[in-house]
Protein backbone atom coordinates (compact mmCIF):
# COMPACT_ATOMS: atom_id res chain seq x y z
CA MET A 1 -41.29 26.50 104.91
CA ASP A 2 -44.51 27.24 106.77
CA LYS A 3 -44.96 27.24 110.56
CA LYS A 4 -46.32 23.67 110.58
CA ASP A 5 -43.22 22.36 108.76
CA GLU A 6 -40.92 24.37 111.06
CA ARG A 7 -42.60 22.89 114.15
CA LYS A 8 -42.33 19.35 112.74
CA LEU A 9 -38.64 19.89 112.04
CA GLU A 10 -38.13 21.24 115.57
CA ILE A 11 -39.87 18.20 117.09
CA ASP A 12 -37.88 15.77 114.91
CA GLN A 13 -34.58 17.40 115.89
CA SER A 14 -35.35 17.47 119.61
CA SER A 15 -36.60 13.88 119.70
CA SER A 16 -33.40 12.61 118.09
CA THR A 17 -31.20 14.12 120.79
CA ALA A 18 -33.17 13.45 123.98
CA GLY A 19 -35.63 11.03 125.47
CA PRO A 20 -39.05 12.00 126.75
CA GLY A 21 -38.64 14.58 129.48
CA ASP A 22 -34.85 14.28 129.32
CA GLU A 23 -33.25 17.62 130.09
CA HIS A 24 -29.74 16.28 130.62
CA GLU A 25 -27.04 15.53 128.13
CA TYR A 26 -26.36 11.88 127.49
CA MET A 27 -23.35 10.27 129.09
CA SER A 28 -20.31 9.42 127.01
CA ASN A 29 -19.75 5.81 125.94
CA ASP A 30 -17.04 5.48 128.61
CA GLU A 31 -19.49 6.54 131.30
CA LEU A 32 -22.16 4.15 130.00
CA HIS A 33 -19.93 1.09 129.79
CA ASP A 34 -20.20 -1.15 132.82
CA LYS A 35 -16.91 -2.76 133.83
CA GLY A 36 -18.59 -5.74 135.55
CA PRO A 37 -18.25 -8.57 136.06
CA TRP A 38 -21.93 -9.48 136.26
CA HIS A 39 -23.33 -12.20 138.53
CA ARG A 40 -26.72 -13.45 139.70
CA ASP A 41 -28.05 -13.81 143.21
CA VAL A 42 -28.61 -17.29 144.70
CA HIS A 43 -32.32 -17.30 143.79
CA GLY A 44 -31.92 -16.05 140.21
CA LYS A 45 -34.17 -13.07 140.96
CA GLN A 46 -31.61 -10.42 140.11
CA ILE A 47 -28.29 -9.85 138.41
CA SER A 48 -25.83 -7.18 139.41
CA SER A 49 -22.49 -5.76 138.42
CA ASP A 50 -19.38 -5.43 140.55
CA ASP A 51 -18.77 -2.03 138.92
CA PHE A 52 -19.76 0.42 141.64
CA THR A 53 -19.91 3.43 139.30
CA HIS A 54 -23.68 3.04 138.92
CA ASP A 55 -24.43 0.15 141.34
CA VAL A 56 -26.64 -1.57 138.76
CA VAL A 57 -29.03 -4.31 139.84
CA LEU A 58 -31.46 -5.78 137.31
CA ARG A 59 -34.53 -7.62 138.60
CA ILE A 60 -35.65 -10.76 136.81
CA SER A 61 -39.31 -11.70 136.87
CA GLY A 62 -41.55 -13.47 134.43
CA ASP A 63 -43.39 -16.66 133.66
CA PHE A 64 -40.88 -19.34 134.60
CA TYR A 65 -41.83 -22.95 135.29
CA ASN A 66 -39.76 -23.03 138.45
CA GLU A 67 -36.77 -21.50 140.25
CA GLU A 68 -34.29 -23.61 138.26
CA GLN A 69 -35.57 -22.22 134.96
CA ARG A 70 -35.33 -18.64 136.32
CA LYS A 71 -31.75 -19.31 137.50
CA ALA A 72 -30.81 -20.69 134.06
CA TYR A 73 -32.31 -17.60 132.40
CA ALA A 74 -30.35 -15.32 134.76
CA ASP A 75 -27.15 -17.31 134.12
CA ASN A 76 -27.64 -16.88 130.37
CA LEU A 77 -27.98 -13.10 130.78
CA VAL A 78 -24.86 -12.99 132.94
CA VAL A 79 -22.85 -14.91 130.32
CA LYS A 80 -23.99 -12.52 127.57
CA LEU A 81 -23.27 -9.39 129.62
CA ASN A 82 -19.84 -10.63 130.70
CA ALA A 83 -18.98 -11.57 127.09
CA GLY A 84 -19.39 -7.91 126.11
CA LEU A 85 -17.05 -6.51 128.75
CA ILE A 86 -14.13 -4.47 127.52
CA PRO A 87 -10.83 -5.41 129.22
CA GLU A 88 -9.31 -2.60 131.25
CA LYS A 89 -6.12 -1.08 129.88
CA SER A 90 -2.97 -1.96 131.81
């Protein structure tokens, strides 16, 4: 294997384990999972989770006809996110 092939292999291996500029190890699946539940704000401009581990708030913007369409879009996202929640163990 020549130096060019070695460098390509090194780049391929590093890119599969980290994102651009990422010097930290990835979190485990348990740390990444949001416990929710998710809900939208009254204007449909953001959705947030009641899980305070990461205090996630996602902003919603785009080409909507009106506020009602944006609210419906936010509601749809909330339903999908809440459907994927894993019940806590008792």
